[in-house]
Amino acid sequence: MTSQTLREARKYEEASEKLISKEDRPGFHLSVRIGWLNDPNGFSVYNGMYHLFYQYHPYSSHTGPMHWGHAVSKDLLHWNYLPAALAPDEFYDRDGCFSGSAVTLEDGRHLLMYTGVIRERQKDGGICEVQTQCVAVGDGTDYEKYEGNPVLDETHLPEGGSRFDFRDPKMWKTEDGTYRCVVGNRSADGSGQILLYTSKDGFQWEFKNVLIANRNRFGSMWECPDFFYLDGKWVLLTSPQDMLPQGFEYHNGNGTLCLIGDYDPKTDTFIEQHDQAIDYGIDFYAPQTIETSDGRRIMIGWMQNWDACGIRTPEEPWSGQMSLPRELFIRNGRLYQAPVRELDALRKNEIAYKNKSISGEIRLQGIQGRRVDMELVLSPGDEENLYQKFAVRFAQNAQYRTSLSFRPHESVLKIDRKFSGSRRAIIHQRRCLVKDQKGKLKLRIILDSFSAEIFVNDGEQVLSVTMYTDLDAQDISFFADGQVLMDIIKYDLDMEGSNPSDRGILG
């Protein structure tokens, strides 16, 4: 039975989404229906459709008591909103239905698992959030919370585990038909750990082991874990809070972490062999993955950063969008990412230049726009006298621009949005170290109305950034200090002429 709180949210979102015109939304990135969006939740395949839920506060463009918004797609690019799935309407989640995941049960129902939050006053007068794991089951549109909630609480924690930092369950179904989930938790040393739980039916859960402990190496609390097998390796994705930089590999604050290694089924522990950031740009957090029906591992993340949320003003009717869905691979012991291949169906109006010499700033006829897919291959014009800098500037007019620049002598790639129109002193620059290839560089730059995602050297690194620049800033220019030879292929990305068939993804 739908609660009054959920009915009100559904009524509000249906009426209020009309305030946002189609032109004021991203083209192929999922944005919030109305209000505030953060972490992706419940990313899953159900009844032949991709389902994506999200952290949601419909009543303002700032975070508030969390609901679960809901959207479905046949191709991960054209999204249709469904009514809000969850609202904070029970005693165990009255202060928010926070992040979680989804699986299909043996009987065909859709099971959601989420973190319920209750704000509790402490003896010292402070307020802490007690976090438990809860489930709801439904048909892909409507969900009923389980009468036995919460299914995981402080009694299911290992010794020293915090009941105030215990969140973000990610479930999956094993080959033997049972269920597992990983949950983020803060251990007695004050840093994160990932807990592993098992269940025979998805409702009754048991603690198995500490899968891996942070031990204060990568930030503090580890949020939004995901754990899966890919290309012969086990992969753990998580989003650490309070990170310190390690050279160019990590950034200060709220970051992303990928650990690659092996899983020992005898001890239920993960043995890490490689660590790296997931995204090297400004705006990417809390990713979640699925395995598609054709065997691909697809990841999507919140294309925002908790340290840069002020880029949107309170007057805006919406705040928050998801990243482009990305296919994941392990190559040379490292995580690689590629834009989901369905994006290729949106390409039209190909324009190409071969071996174009660039010195100073130039514009190329036909190379412009805000919904664009560009592939650039750079090489030095004079290998004996290597160029000092190359830059591509986009979302540009006489007043605004966002730039991506490369200095080959340092092998440093930088994204910079300080001239994008922001009036806030938030994070505007990020840098990453790329492999030194003597001035050679391969880039794929995907622009949507309010974002850019840059895939470097076939996805060895990715930089994501949002920029809420006026949409009339359509120019793209190129700059070289020295001489650069550039091959470029540019496509417009057309949402209207590429609607997926009505058969669904499994049709």
Protein backbone atom coordinates (compact mmCIF):
# COMPACT_ATOMS: atom_id res chain seq x y z
CA MET A 1 0.00 0.00 0.00
CA THR A 2 1.40 3.39 -1.03
CA SER A 3 2.00 5.75 1.90
CA GLN A 4 0.80 9.33 2.00
CA THR A 5 4.43 10.51 1.93
CA LEU A 6 5.11 8.62 -1.30
CA ARG A 7 1.81 9.68 -2.89
CA GLU A 8 2.65 13.32 -2.20
CA ALA A 9 6.13 12.95 -3.70
CA ARG A 10 4.71 11.30 -6.82
CA LYS A 11 2.06 13.98 -7.23
CA TYR A 12 4.64 16.74 -6.74
CA GLU A 13 7.16 15.34 -9.23
CA GLU A 14 4.54 14.77 -11.91
CA ALA A 15 3.33 18.36 -11.68
CA SER A 16 6.72 20.03 -11.15
CA GLU A 17 8.75 18.35 -13.90
CA LYS A 18 6.82 20.54 -16.37
CA LEU A 19 8.82 23.50 -15.06
CA ILE A 20 11.91 22.18 -16.86
CA SER A 21 11.96 22.38 -20.64
CA LYS A 22 13.54 19.62 -22.70
CA GLU A 23 16.16 22.09 -23.93
CA ASP A 24 17.24 22.89 -20.36
CA ARG A 25 18.11 19.25 -19.61
CA PRO A 26 21.05 17.15 -20.72
CA GLY A 27 20.44 15.26 -23.93
CA PHE A 28 21.56 11.72 -23.14
CA HIS A 29 22.65 11.90 -19.50
CA LEU A 30 19.95 11.08 -16.97
CA SER A 31 19.11 14.12 -14.86
CA VAL A 32 16.70 14.39 -11.96
CA ARG A 33 12.97 14.59 -12.67
CA ILE A 34 12.72 17.64 -10.40
CA GLY A 35 14.81 18.86 -7.46
CA TRP A 36 17.99 17.13 -6.30
CA LEU A 37 19.79 13.98 -7.51
CA ASN A 38 22.90 12.25 -6.21
CA ASP A 39 24.08 8.61 -6.09
CA PRO A 40 22.82 6.01 -8.59
CA ASN A 41 20.83 3.29 -6.81
CA GLY A 42 19.36 -0.06 -7.83
CA PHE A 43 21.05 -0.14 -11.25
CA SER A 44 19.68 -3.38 -12.70
CA VAL A 45 18.14 -5.24 -15.62
CA TYR A 46 14.53 -6.15 -14.93
CA ASN A 47 11.80 -7.38 -17.30
CA GLY A 48 13.81 -6.47 -20.38
CA MET A 49 14.60 -2.91 -19.32
CA TYR A 50 17.44 -1.09 -17.63
CA HIS A 51 16.26 0.31 -14.29
CA LEU A 52 18.12 3.11 -12.57
CA PHE A 53 17.01 4.55 -9.26
CA TYR A 54 18.71 7.54 -7.66
CA GLN A 55 19.05 9.48 -4.44
CA TYR A 56 16.35 12.08 -4.72
CA HIS A 57 14.95 15.11 -2.93
CA PRO A 58 12.10 16.34 -5.13
CA TYR A 59 11.21 19.43 -3.09
CA SER A 60 14.36 21.51 -3.67
CA SER A 61 17.55 21.58 -5.72
CA HIS A 62 19.55 20.87 -2.54
CA THR A 63 19.88 17.63 -0.63
CA GLY A 64 17.14 16.75 1.88
CA PRO A 65 15.30 13.71 3.24
CA MET A 66 16.22 11.07 0.67
CA HIS A 67 13.69 9.38 -1.59
CA TRP A 68 14.39 7.01 -4.48
CA GLY A 69 13.69 8.45 -7.92
CA HIS A 70 13.21 5.97 -10.76
CA ALA A 71 13.85 5.86 -14.51
CA VAL A 72 13.96 3.13 -17.16
CA SER A 73 15.67 2.78 -20.52
CA LYS A 74 16.08 0.35 -23.39
CA ASP A 75 19.50 1.62 -24.45
CA LEU A 76 21.00 3.44 -21.39
CA LEU A 77 20.65 6.77 -23.22
CA HIS A 78 16.93 7.46 -23.75
CA TRP A 79 15.45 7.53 -20.23
CA ASN A 80 11.80 7.62 -19.17
CA TYR A 81 10.79 8.61 -15.66
CA LEU A 82 8.63 6.34 -13.52
CA PRO A 83 6.99 7.41 -10.25
CA ALA A 84 9.27 7.73 -7.22
CA ALA A 85 9.88 4.26 -5.80
CA LEU A 86 10.66 4.91 -2.12
CA ALA A 87 9.96 7.67 0.40
CA PRO A 88 11.03 8.06 4.07
CA ASP A 89 7.78 6.88 5.60
CA GLU A 90 8.64 4.19 8.19
CA PHE A 91 10.10 4.41 11.69
CA TYR A 92 13.39 2.83 10.54
CA ASP A 93 13.91 5.20 7.57
CA ARG A 94 12.04 8.33 8.62
CA ASP A 95 15.07 10.55 7.97
CA GLY A 96 15.92 9.10 4.59
CA CYS A 97 16.00 6.14 2.22
CA PHE A 98 19.68 6.19 1.28
CA SER A 99 21.75 4.37 -1.33
CA GLY A 100 21.36 0.73 -2.25
CA SER A 101 20.92 -1.80 -5.04
CA ALA A 102 18.52 -4.22 -6.74
CA VAL A 103 18.31 -7.85 -7.88
CA THR A 104 15.66 -10.09 -9.42
CA LEU A 105 14.34 -12.74 -7.05
CA GLU A 106 13.75 -16.36 -8.03
CA ASP A 107 9.99 -15.71 -8.18
CA GLY A 108 10.50 -12.84 -10.65
CA ARG A 109 9.95 -9.95 -8.26
CA HIS A 110 12.31 -6.97 -8.09
CA LEU A 111 14.10 -6.64 -4.73
CA LEU A 112 15.50 -3.30 -3.58
CA MET A 113 17.95 -3.03 -0.68
CA TYR A 114 18.66 0.40 0.80
CA THR A 115 20.02 2.16 3.85
CA GLY A 116 17.40 3.47 6.26
CA VAL A 117 18.41 6.46 8.39
CA ILE A 118 17.16 7.66 11.78
CA ARG A 119 18.64 10.79 13.34
CA GLU A 120 19.42 10.10 17.00
CA ARG A 121 20.26 12.65 19.69
CA GLN A 122 23.39 11.71 21.65
CA LYS A 123 24.14 12.28 25.34
CA ASP A 124 26.38 15.22 24.48
CA GLY A 125 23.49 16.90 22.64
CA GLY A 126 24.80 16.13 19.17
CA ILE A 127 22.90 14.35 16.42
CA CYS A 128 24.11 11.14 14.75
CA GLU A 129 22.48 9.10 12.01
CA VAL A 130 21.78 5.46 12.87
CA GLN A 131 22.01 3.47 9.64
CA THR A 132 20.43 0.07 8.91
CA GLN A 133 19.81 -1.98 5.77
CA CYS A 134 16.23 -2.47 4.60
CA VAL A 135 14.49 -4.14 1.66
CA ALA A 136 11.43 -3.53 -0.49
CA VAL A 137 9.97 -5.78 -3.16
CA GLY A 138 7.91 -4.90 -6.21
CA ASP A 139 6.98 -5.23 -9.85
CA GLY A 140 9.26 -2.64 -11.48
CA THR A 141 6.97 0.31 -10.66
CA ASP A 142 5.52 -0.10 -7.17
CA TYR A 143 7.42 -1.45 -4.17
CA GLU A 144 6.34 -2.60 -0.72
CA LYS A 145 8.71 -2.41 2.23
CA TYR A 146 9.36 -5.70 4.00
CA GLU A 147 7.56 -6.14 7.30
CA GLY A 148 10.74 -7.56 8.84
CA ASN A 149 12.83 -4.42 8.20
CA PRO A 150 15.54 -3.61 8.96
CA VAL A 151 17.20 -6.80 7.72
CA LEU A 152 20.67 -5.68 8.88
CA ASP A 153 21.34 -3.56 11.94
CA GLU A 154 24.02 -3.10 14.59
CA THR A 155 23.61 -6.72 15.71
CA HIS A 156 25.03 -7.79 12.34
CA LEU A 157 28.21 -5.71 12.66
CA PRO A 158 31.68 -7.06 13.46
CA GLU A 159 33.35 -5.92 16.67
CA GLY A 160 34.20 -2.21 16.52
CA GLY A 161 31.96 -1.54 13.51
CA SER A 162 30.08 1.77 13.63
CA ARG A 163 26.28 1.82 13.54
CA PHE A 164 26.49 5.45 12.37
CA ASP A 165 28.59 4.66 9.27
CA PHE A 166 26.99 1.50 7.90
CA ARG A 167 25.54 2.03 4.47
CA ASP A 168 25.17 1.53 0.71
CA PRO A 169 24.47 -2.22 0.25
CA LYS A 170 25.33 -3.66 -3.17
CA MET A 171 23.68 -7.03 -3.84
CA TRP A 172 24.29 -9.69 -6.44
CA LYS A 173 23.05 -13.22 -7.12
CA THR A 174 25.61 -16.05 -7.15
CA GLU A 175 25.70 -19.05 -9.49
CA ASP A 176 24.23 -21.32 -6.82
CA GLY A 177 21.15 -19.08 -6.53
CA THR A 178 22.03 -17.47 -3.20
CA TYR A 179 22.59 -13.76 -2.65
CA ARG A 180 25.51 -11.72 -1.43
CA CYS A 181 26.02 -8.09 -0.65
CA VAL A 182 28.82 -5.74 0.34
CA VAL A 183 28.20 -2.80 2.68
CA GLY A 184 30.43 0.14 3.60
CA ASN A 185 31.26 0.55 7.29
CA ARG A 186 33.61 2.49 9.56
CA SER A 187 35.88 0.32 11.69
CA ALA A 188 37.31 0.94 15.16
CA ASP A 189 40.41 2.64 13.69
CA GLY A 190 38.18 5.35 12.22
CA SER A 191 38.64 4.35 8.59
CA GLY A 192 36.57 2.33 6.18
CA GLN A 193 35.99 -1.36 5.75
CA ILE A 194 33.82 -3.38 3.38
CA LEU A 195 31.59 -6.00 5.00
CA LEU A 196 30.36 -9.13 3.20
CA TYR A 197 26.91 -10.63 3.88
CA THR A 198 25.08 -13.70 2.53
CA SER A 199 21.43 -14.69 2.16
CA LYS A 200 19.49 -17.67 0.82
CA ASP A 201 16.38 -15.67 -0.10
CA GLY A 202 17.31 -11.97 -0.16
CA PHE A 203 15.43 -11.24 3.08
CA GLN A 204 17.33 -13.07 5.84
CA TRP A 205 20.96 -11.94 5.89
CA GLU A 206 24.03 -13.11 7.79
CA PHE A 207 27.42 -11.47 8.32
CA LYS A 208 30.18 -13.38 6.57
CA ASN A 209 33.43 -11.48 6.95
CA VAL A 210 35.31 -8.20 6.58
CA LEU A 211 36.05 -8.41 2.86
CA ILE A 212 38.79 -5.76 3.05
CA ALA A 213 39.85 -3.03 5.49
CA ASN A 214 41.12 0.42 4.56
CA ARG A 215 43.46 0.81 7.57
CA ASN A 216 43.62 4.57 6.90
CA ARG A 217 45.33 4.19 3.54
CA PHE A 218 42.81 5.73 1.16
CA GLY A 219 40.81 8.41 2.92
CA SER A 220 38.55 7.49 5.83
CA MET A 221 35.04 6.03 5.40
CA TRP A 222 34.51 3.97 2.22
CA GLU A 223 31.10 4.63 0.65
CA CYS A 224 29.12 2.95 -2.13
CA PRO A 225 31.07 -0.29 -2.63
CA ASP A 226 30.67 -2.54 -5.66
CA PHE A 227 32.37 -5.93 -6.07
CA PHE A 228 32.47 -8.05 -9.23
CA TYR A 229 34.51 -10.41 -11.41
CA LEU A 230 35.89 -9.00 -14.67
CA ASP A 231 38.40 -10.30 -17.21
CA GLY A 232 39.92 -12.83 -14.83
CA LYS A 233 40.18 -10.47 -11.85
CA TRP A 234 38.05 -9.34 -8.92
CA VAL A 235 37.34 -5.62 -8.79
CA LEU A 236 36.27 -3.49 -5.83
CA LEU A 237 34.97 0.01 -6.52
CA THR A 238 34.36 2.41 -3.65
CA SER A 239 34.22 6.14 -2.93
CA PRO A 240 36.43 7.18 -0.01
CA GLN A 241 35.78 10.31 2.00
CA ASP A 242 38.53 12.68 3.19
CA MET A 243 41.19 11.54 0.75
CA LEU A 244 44.73 12.86 0.63
CA PRO A 245 46.40 13.12 -2.78
CA GLN A 246 49.07 10.64 -3.80
CA GLY A 247 50.90 12.42 -6.56
CA PHE A 248 48.42 12.76 -9.43
CA GLU A 249 46.61 9.54 -8.63
CA TYR A 250 44.09 10.80 -6.08
CA HIS A 251 42.61 14.17 -5.20
CA ASN A 252 41.82 15.83 -1.90
CA GLY A 253 38.38 15.26 -0.42
CA ASN A 254 35.72 12.89 -1.73
CA GLY A 255 37.25 10.63 -4.34
CA THR A 256 36.98 7.34 -6.17
CA LEU A 257 39.01 4.17 -5.77
CA CYS A 258 39.38 1.02 -7.85
CA LEU A 259 41.13 -1.99 -6.33
CA ILE A 260 41.95 -4.95 -8.58
CA GLY A 261 43.00 -8.31 -7.20
CA ASP A 262 41.87 -11.80 -6.21
CA TYR A 263 39.14 -13.18 -3.98
CA ASP A 264 39.82 -16.07 -1.59
CA PRO A 265 36.56 -18.04 -1.19
CA LYS A 266 37.96 -20.01 1.75
CA THR A 267 38.46 -16.93 3.91
CA ASP A 268 36.01 -14.61 2.11
CA THR A 269 38.67 -11.92 1.75
CA PHE A 270 39.83 -9.76 -1.12
CA ILE A 271 43.55 -9.55 -1.85
CA GLU A 272 44.34 -6.30 -3.65
CA GLN A 273 47.09 -6.14 -6.28
CA HIS A 274 46.56 -2.74 -7.92
CA ASP A 275 44.94 0.54 -6.93
CA GLN A 276 43.92 3.55 -9.03
CA ALA A 277 41.37 6.32 -9.23
CA ILE A 278 38.23 5.54 -11.21
CA ASP A 279 37.85 9.07 -12.62
CA TYR A 280 40.46 11.83 -12.75
CA GLY A 281 38.16 14.78 -13.38
CA ILE A 282 36.14 16.96 -11.02
CA ASP A 283 32.68 15.41 -11.07
CA PHE A 284 32.35 11.68 -10.49
CA TYR A 285 31.30 9.77 -7.36
CA ALA A 286 29.47 6.70 -6.04
CA PRO A 287 29.51 4.54 -9.19
CA GLN A 288 27.45 1.39 -9.51
CA THR A 289 27.70 -1.41 -12.09
CA ILE A 290 25.60 -4.11 -13.72
CA GLU A 291 26.27 -7.07 -15.96
CA THR A 292 24.17 -6.81 -19.11
CA SER A 293 22.41 -9.69 -20.83
CA ASP A 294 25.23 -9.80 -23.40
CA GLY A 295 27.91 -10.07 -20.71
CA ARG A 296 29.23 -6.52 -20.52
CA ARG A 297 30.08 -4.83 -17.22
CA ILE A 298 28.52 -1.33 -17.35
CA MET A 299 29.23 1.41 -14.79
CA ILE A 300 27.37 4.65 -14.14
CA GLY A 301 28.20 7.31 -11.54
CA TRP A 302 26.90 10.54 -10.07
CA MET A 303 28.47 13.27 -12.21
CA GLN A 304 29.01 15.66 -9.34
CA ASN A 305 31.28 16.07 -6.34
CA TRP A 306 30.24 16.81 -2.75
CA ASP A 307 32.96 19.48 -2.62
CA ALA A 308 31.60 21.28 -5.70
CA CYS A 309 27.82 21.16 -5.28
CA GLY A 310 27.65 24.97 -5.09
CA ILE A 311 27.98 25.19 -8.85
CA ARG A 312 24.16 25.15 -9.02
CA THR A 313 22.21 27.97 -7.38
CA PRO A 314 19.18 27.27 -5.15
CA GLU A 315 16.93 28.97 -7.70
CA GLU A 316 17.56 26.24 -10.28
CA PRO A 317 14.66 23.76 -10.58
CA TRP A 318 17.05 20.80 -10.81
CA SER A 319 20.52 19.77 -9.71
CA GLY A 320 22.35 16.57 -10.55
CA GLN A 321 22.96 14.23 -13.46
CA MET A 322 24.48 10.81 -14.05
CA SER A 323 27.61 10.09 -16.01
CA LEU A 324 27.58 8.44 -19.39
CA PRO A 325 27.27 4.67 -18.88
CA ARG A 326 30.69 3.11 -19.45
CA GLU A 327 31.87 -0.35 -20.41
CA LEU A 328 34.63 -1.66 -18.15
CA PHE A 329 37.68 -3.76 -19.02
CA ILE A 330 40.85 -4.93 -17.31
CA ARG A 331 43.93 -4.39 -19.48
CA ASN A 332 47.51 -4.71 -18.31
CA GLY A 333 46.25 -5.05 -14.74
CA ARG A 334 44.43 -1.70 -14.94
CA LEU A 335 40.79 -0.55 -15.20
CA TYR A 336 39.87 0.82 -18.64
CA GLN A 337 36.59 2.51 -19.54
CA ALA A 338 34.81 3.12 -22.84
CA PRO A 339 31.60 4.99 -23.62
CA VAL A 340 28.76 2.51 -23.84
CA ARG A 341 28.65 1.29 -27.44
CA GLU A 342 24.98 2.25 -27.80
CA LEU A 343 26.23 5.85 -28.08
CA ASP A 344 27.51 5.13 -31.59
CA ALA A 345 23.91 4.91 -32.84
CA LEU A 346 23.43 8.62 -31.99
CA ARG A 347 26.26 9.78 -34.26
CA LYS A 348 25.48 11.82 -37.36
CA ASN A 349 27.05 14.56 -39.53
CA GLU A 350 30.61 13.23 -39.57
CA ILE A 351 33.30 15.85 -40.17
CA ALA A 352 36.96 14.80 -40.41
CA TYR A 353 40.33 16.51 -40.77
CA LYS A 354 43.52 14.53 -41.34
CA ASN A 355 47.02 15.62 -40.37
CA LYS A 356 45.87 19.16 -39.58
CA SER A 357 48.76 21.39 -38.51
CA ILE A 358 48.03 23.56 -35.46
CA SER A 359 50.16 26.44 -34.25
CA GLY A 360 48.50 29.19 -32.22
CA GLU A 361 44.70 29.16 -31.92
CA ILE A 362 42.48 27.93 -34.75
CA ARG A 363 38.87 26.99 -35.39
CA LEU A 364 37.85 24.36 -37.90
CA GLN A 365 34.74 24.67 -40.03
CA GLY A 366 31.97 22.36 -38.85
CA ILE A 367 33.63 21.64 -35.49
CA GLN A 368 31.26 23.14 -32.93
CA GLY A 369 28.29 22.24 -30.74
CA ARG A 370 27.30 21.10 -27.26
CA ARG A 371 26.17 17.54 -28.05
CA VAL A 372 29.27 16.25 -29.73
CA ASP A 373 31.46 13.14 -29.96
CA MET A 374 35.04 13.97 -31.02
CA GLU A 375 38.05 11.72 -31.51
CA LEU A 376 41.44 13.45 -31.57
CA VAL A 377 44.85 11.92 -32.30
CA LEU A 378 47.77 14.25 -31.58
CA SER A 379 51.40 13.97 -32.61
CA PRO A 380 54.29 16.47 -32.62
CA GLY A 381 54.80 18.53 -35.73
CA ASP A 382 58.52 18.56 -35.01
CA GLU A 383 59.81 15.64 -32.92
CA GLU A 384 63.15 17.39 -32.41
CA ASN A 385 61.44 20.49 -31.03
CA LEU A 386 58.47 19.18 -29.04
CA TYR A 387 55.50 21.50 -28.62
CA GLN A 388 55.02 23.05 -25.16
CA LYS A 389 51.25 22.85 -24.86
CA PHE A 390 48.11 21.74 -26.67
CA ALA A 391 44.57 22.77 -25.71
CA VAL A 392 41.04 22.19 -26.91
CA ARG A 393 38.44 24.68 -25.71
CA PHE A 394 34.71 23.99 -25.85
CA ALA A 395 31.37 25.39 -24.64
CA GLN A 396 33.02 28.59 -25.82
CA ASN A 397 32.02 32.07 -26.92
CA ALA A 398 33.51 35.52 -26.35
CA GLN A 399 32.89 35.21 -22.58
CA TYR A 400 32.95 31.52 -21.66
CA ARG A 401 35.02 28.41 -22.21
CA THR A 402 36.07 25.15 -20.62
CA SER A 403 39.49 23.88 -21.62
CA LEU A 404 41.43 20.64 -21.74
CA SER A 405 45.19 21.15 -22.02
CA PHE A 406 48.19 18.85 -22.35
CA ARG A 407 51.84 19.61 -21.61
CA PRO A 408 53.94 16.82 -23.14
CA HIS A 409 57.17 17.70 -21.28
CA GLU A 410 55.33 17.00 -18.02
CA SER A 411 52.88 14.40 -19.42
CA VAL A 412 50.15 16.31 -17.56
CA LEU A 413 46.57 16.63 -18.79
CA LYS A 414 44.40 19.32 -17.15
CA ILE A 415 40.70 20.11 -17.21
CA ASP A 416 39.79 23.72 -16.35
CA ARG A 417 36.27 25.19 -16.09
CA LYS A 418 37.00 28.45 -14.23
CA PHE A 419 35.68 30.47 -17.21
CA SER A 420 32.58 28.30 -17.65
CA GLY A 421 30.24 30.79 -15.98
CA SER A 422 30.45 29.66 -12.35
CA ARG A 423 30.25 32.44 -9.78
CA ARG A 424 31.47 30.20 -6.95
CA ALA A 425 35.04 29.54 -5.79
CA ILE A 426 34.63 25.78 -5.96
CA ILE A 427 36.91 23.21 -7.58
CA HIS A 428 37.59 24.26 -11.15
CA GLN A 429 40.74 22.35 -12.12
CA ARG A 430 42.03 18.79 -12.00
CA ARG A 431 45.21 17.31 -13.41
CA CYS A 432 46.27 13.76 -14.20
CA LEU A 433 49.49 12.14 -15.29
CA VAL A 434 49.27 10.27 -18.60
CA LYS A 435 51.75 7.85 -20.10
CA ASP A 436 54.66 9.62 -21.75
CA GLN A 437 54.40 8.98 -25.49
CA LYS A 438 56.69 11.79 -26.69
CA GLY A 439 53.89 14.21 -27.43
CA LYS A 440 51.45 11.66 -28.85
CA LEU A 441 48.00 11.53 -27.29
CA LYS A 442 44.62 10.04 -28.15
CA LEU A 443 41.44 11.67 -26.81
CA ARG A 444 37.73 11.02 -27.14
CA ILE A 445 35.72 14.00 -25.93
CA ILE A 446 31.97 13.59 -25.41
CA LEU A 447 30.01 16.76 -24.79
CA ASP A 448 26.43 16.92 -23.60
CA SER A 449 24.67 20.20 -22.85
CA PHE A 450 26.16 20.59 -19.35
CA SER A 451 29.06 18.15 -19.20
CA ALA A 452 32.23 16.82 -20.78
CA GLU A 453 33.75 13.36 -20.42
CA ILE A 454 37.25 12.81 -21.77
CA PHE A 455 38.51 9.29 -22.47
CA VAL A 456 42.31 9.24 -22.68
CA ASN A 457 44.34 6.75 -24.71
CA ASP A 458 41.45 4.36 -25.39
CA GLY A 459 40.02 4.70 -21.88
CA GLU A 460 43.12 4.20 -19.76
CA GLN A 461 41.96 7.29 -17.86
CA VAL A 462 38.73 9.32 -17.85
CA LEU A 463 38.07 12.90 -16.73
CA SER A 464 34.49 14.02 -16.06
CA VAL A 465 33.35 17.59 -15.53
CA THR A 466 30.06 19.47 -15.42
CA MET A 467 29.77 23.01 -16.72
CA TYR A 468 26.51 24.95 -16.63
CA THR A 469 27.52 27.40 -19.33
CA ASP A 470 24.89 29.22 -21.38
CA LEU A 471 23.86 26.91 -24.19
CA ASP A 472 24.59 29.54 -26.85
CA ALA A 473 28.32 29.01 -26.16
CA GLN A 474 28.78 26.52 -29.01
CA ASP A 475 32.32 27.17 -30.27
CA ILE A 476 35.23 24.72 -30.16
CA SER A 477 38.80 25.86 -30.77
CA PHE A 478 42.29 24.35 -30.72
CA PHE A 479 45.56 25.85 -29.53
CA ALA A 480 49.20 24.82 -29.74
CA ASP A 481 52.32 26.43 -28.35
CA GLY A 482 54.63 24.95 -30.94
CA GLN A 483 53.40 22.69 -33.72
CA VAL A 484 50.91 19.84 -33.35
CA LEU A 485 49.57 17.54 -36.04
CA MET A 486 45.99 16.51 -35.34
CA ASP A 487 43.58 13.99 -36.81
CA ILE A 488 40.00 14.71 -35.79
CA ILE A 489 36.64 13.06 -36.41
CA LYS A 490 33.62 14.88 -35.02
CA TYR A 491 29.99 13.76 -34.85
CA ASP A 492 26.84 15.47 -33.67
CA LEU A 493 24.87 13.33 -31.23
CA ASP A 494 21.20 13.18 -32.20
CA MET A 495 18.70 11.93 -29.64
CA GLU A 496 15.64 12.33 -31.84
CA GLY A 497 16.63 10.14 -34.75
CA SER A 498 17.88 7.19 -32.74
CA ASN A 499 15.09 5.95 -30.49
CA PRO A 500 15.57 2.29 -29.58
CA SER A 501 13.05 -0.29 -30.74
CA ASP A 502 10.04 -1.21 -28.67
CA ARG A 503 11.36 -4.72 -28.11
CA GLY A 504 13.42 -3.81 -25.07
CA ILE A 505 17.01 -4.82 -24.43
CA LEU A 506 16.24 -8.53 -24.24
CA GLY A 507 13.92 -8.61 -27.27
